[in-house]
């Protein structure tokens, strides 16, 4: 590995880890929000079953 490019490679890995971590956090937070929003509808589910 060329030592002059090691900073760029490290920065690229850190940016990728940050982006993937941010997306994972956003999905997890959205999942929690949707579960809370759908919780009141859970009781109505049984009336629609056949």
N, C-alpha and C. Protein backbone atom coordinates (compact mmCIF):
# COMPACT_ATOMS: atom_id res chain seq x y z
N UNK A 1 0.85 -1.18 0.00
CA UNK A 1 0.00 0.00 0.00
C UNK A 1 0.89 1.23 0.00
N UNK A 2 0.52 2.17 -0.80
CA UNK A 2 1.27 3.42 -0.89
C UNK A 2 0.96 4.29 0.32
N UNK A 3 1.96 4.74 1.03
CA UNK A 3 1.78 5.51 2.27
C UNK A 3 1.12 6.86 2.01
N UNK A 4 1.27 7.40 0.81
CA UNK A 4 0.68 8.70 0.53
C UNK A 4 -0.84 8.62 0.40
N UNK A 5 -1.36 7.45 0.13
CA UNK A 5 -2.81 7.29 -0.04
C UNK A 5 -3.49 6.72 1.21
N UNK A 6 -2.73 6.43 2.23
CA UNK A 6 -3.31 5.79 3.41
C UNK A 6 -4.32 6.70 4.12
N UNK A 7 -4.08 8.00 4.12
CA UNK A 7 -5.04 8.93 4.74
C UNK A 7 -6.36 8.93 4.00
N UNK A 8 -6.30 8.92 2.68
CA UNK A 8 -7.51 8.88 1.87
C UNK A 8 -8.28 7.59 2.10
N UNK A 9 -7.57 6.49 2.15
CA UNK A 9 -8.22 5.19 2.36
C UNK A 9 -8.88 5.13 3.73
N UNK A 10 -8.19 5.61 4.74
CA UNK A 10 -8.75 5.64 6.09
C UNK A 10 -9.99 6.54 6.14
N UNK A 11 -9.92 7.71 5.52
CA UNK A 11 -11.06 8.62 5.49
C UNK A 11 -12.25 7.99 4.77
N UNK A 12 -12.00 7.29 3.68
CA UNK A 12 -13.07 6.65 2.93
C UNK A 12 -13.76 5.58 3.78
N UNK A 13 -12.97 4.78 4.49
CA UNK A 13 -13.55 3.76 5.36
C UNK A 13 -14.38 4.40 6.48
N UNK A 14 -13.85 5.46 7.09
CA UNK A 14 -14.57 6.13 8.18
C UNK A 14 -15.87 6.76 7.68
N UNK A 15 -15.84 7.34 6.51
CA UNK A 15 -17.07 7.93 5.95
C UNK A 15 -18.09 6.84 5.67
N UNK A 16 -17.65 5.73 5.10
CA UNK A 16 -18.57 4.62 4.82
C UNK A 16 -19.17 4.06 6.12
N UNK A 17 -18.36 3.90 7.13
CA UNK A 17 -18.86 3.40 8.41
C UNK A 17 -19.87 4.40 9.00
N UNK A 18 -19.58 5.68 8.89
CA UNK A 18 -20.50 6.70 9.38
C UNK A 18 -21.83 6.71 8.64
N UNK A 19 -21.78 6.57 7.32
CA UNK A 19 -23.00 6.56 6.52
C UNK A 19 -23.84 5.32 6.83
N UNK A 20 -23.22 4.16 6.86
CA UNK A 20 -23.96 2.93 7.16
C UNK A 20 -24.51 2.98 8.58
N UNK A 21 -23.74 3.49 9.53
CA UNK A 21 -24.22 3.62 10.90
C UNK A 21 -25.38 4.59 11.00
N UNK A 22 -25.30 5.71 10.27
CA UNK A 22 -26.39 6.68 10.27
C UNK A 22 -27.66 6.11 9.67
N UNK A 23 -27.54 5.39 8.58
CA UNK A 23 -28.71 4.75 7.96
C UNK A 23 -29.33 3.71 8.89
N UNK A 24 -28.48 2.94 9.54
CA UNK A 24 -28.98 1.93 10.48
C UNK A 24 -29.73 2.59 11.63
N UNK A 25 -29.18 3.67 12.17
CA UNK A 25 -29.84 4.40 13.24
C UNK A 25 -31.18 4.98 12.78
N UNK A 26 -31.22 5.55 11.58
CA UNK A 26 -32.46 6.13 11.05
C UNK A 26 -33.53 5.06 10.88
N UNK A 27 -33.16 3.90 10.38
CA UNK A 27 -34.12 2.80 10.20
C UNK A 27 -34.62 2.32 11.55
N UNK A 28 -33.73 2.19 12.52
CA UNK A 28 -34.13 1.73 13.86
C UNK A 28 -35.08 2.72 14.52
N UNK A 29 -34.78 4.02 14.41
CA UNK A 29 -35.65 5.03 15.00
C UNK A 29 -37.02 5.07 14.31
N UNK A 30 -37.03 4.90 12.99
CA UNK A 30 -38.30 4.88 12.26
C UNK A 30 -39.12 3.65 12.65
N UNK A 31 -38.47 2.53 12.84
CA UNK A 31 -39.15 1.31 13.28
C UNK A 31 -39.82 1.52 14.63
N UNK A 32 -39.10 2.14 15.56
CA UNK A 32 -39.68 2.42 16.89
C UNK A 32 -40.88 3.36 16.77
N UNK A 33 -40.77 4.40 15.92
CA UNK A 33 -41.85 5.35 15.74
C UNK A 33 -43.08 4.67 15.14
N UNK A 34 -42.88 3.82 14.16
CA UNK A 34 -44.00 3.12 13.53
C UNK A 34 -44.66 2.14 14.48
N UNK A 35 -43.87 1.45 15.30
CA UNK A 35 -44.46 0.52 16.27
C UNK A 35 -45.35 1.26 17.25
N UNK A 36 -44.90 2.45 17.71
CA UNK A 36 -45.71 3.25 18.63
C UNK A 36 -46.97 3.76 17.94
N UNK A 37 -46.87 4.14 16.68
CA UNK A 37 -48.03 4.67 15.96
C UNK A 37 -49.05 3.58 15.67
N UNK A 38 -48.61 2.36 15.46
CA UNK A 38 -49.51 1.26 15.12
C UNK A 38 -50.06 0.52 16.34
N UNK A 39 -49.51 0.77 17.51
CA UNK A 39 -49.94 0.06 18.72
C UNK A 39 -51.43 0.23 19.00
N UNK A 40 -52.03 1.41 18.85
CA UNK A 40 -53.47 1.53 19.11
C UNK A 40 -54.33 0.72 18.14
N UNK A 41 -53.83 0.45 16.97
CA UNK A 41 -54.59 -0.30 15.97
C UNK A 41 -54.53 -1.81 16.21
N UNK A 42 -53.65 -2.24 17.08
CA UNK A 42 -53.46 -3.67 17.32
C UNK A 42 -54.75 -4.32 17.85
N UNK A 43 -55.50 -3.62 18.65
CA UNK A 43 -56.73 -4.17 19.21
C UNK A 43 -57.83 -4.34 18.16
N UNK A 44 -57.80 -3.57 17.11
CA UNK A 44 -58.80 -3.65 16.05
C UNK A 44 -58.53 -4.79 15.08
N UNK A 45 -57.38 -5.36 15.13
CA UNK A 45 -56.98 -6.38 14.16
C UNK A 45 -57.85 -7.61 14.24
N UNK A 46 -58.27 -7.99 15.43
CA UNK A 46 -59.05 -9.21 15.60
C UNK A 46 -60.42 -9.15 14.95
N UNK A 47 -61.01 -7.96 14.82
CA UNK A 47 -62.35 -7.83 14.24
C UNK A 47 -62.34 -8.03 12.74
N UNK A 48 -61.20 -7.95 12.10
CA UNK A 48 -61.13 -8.09 10.65
C UNK A 48 -60.78 -9.52 10.22
N UNK A 49 -60.45 -10.37 11.14
CA UNK A 49 -60.10 -11.75 10.79
C UNK A 49 -61.34 -12.53 10.42
N UNK A 50 -61.17 -13.50 9.54
CA UNK A 50 -62.31 -14.35 9.15
C UNK A 50 -62.16 -15.73 9.69
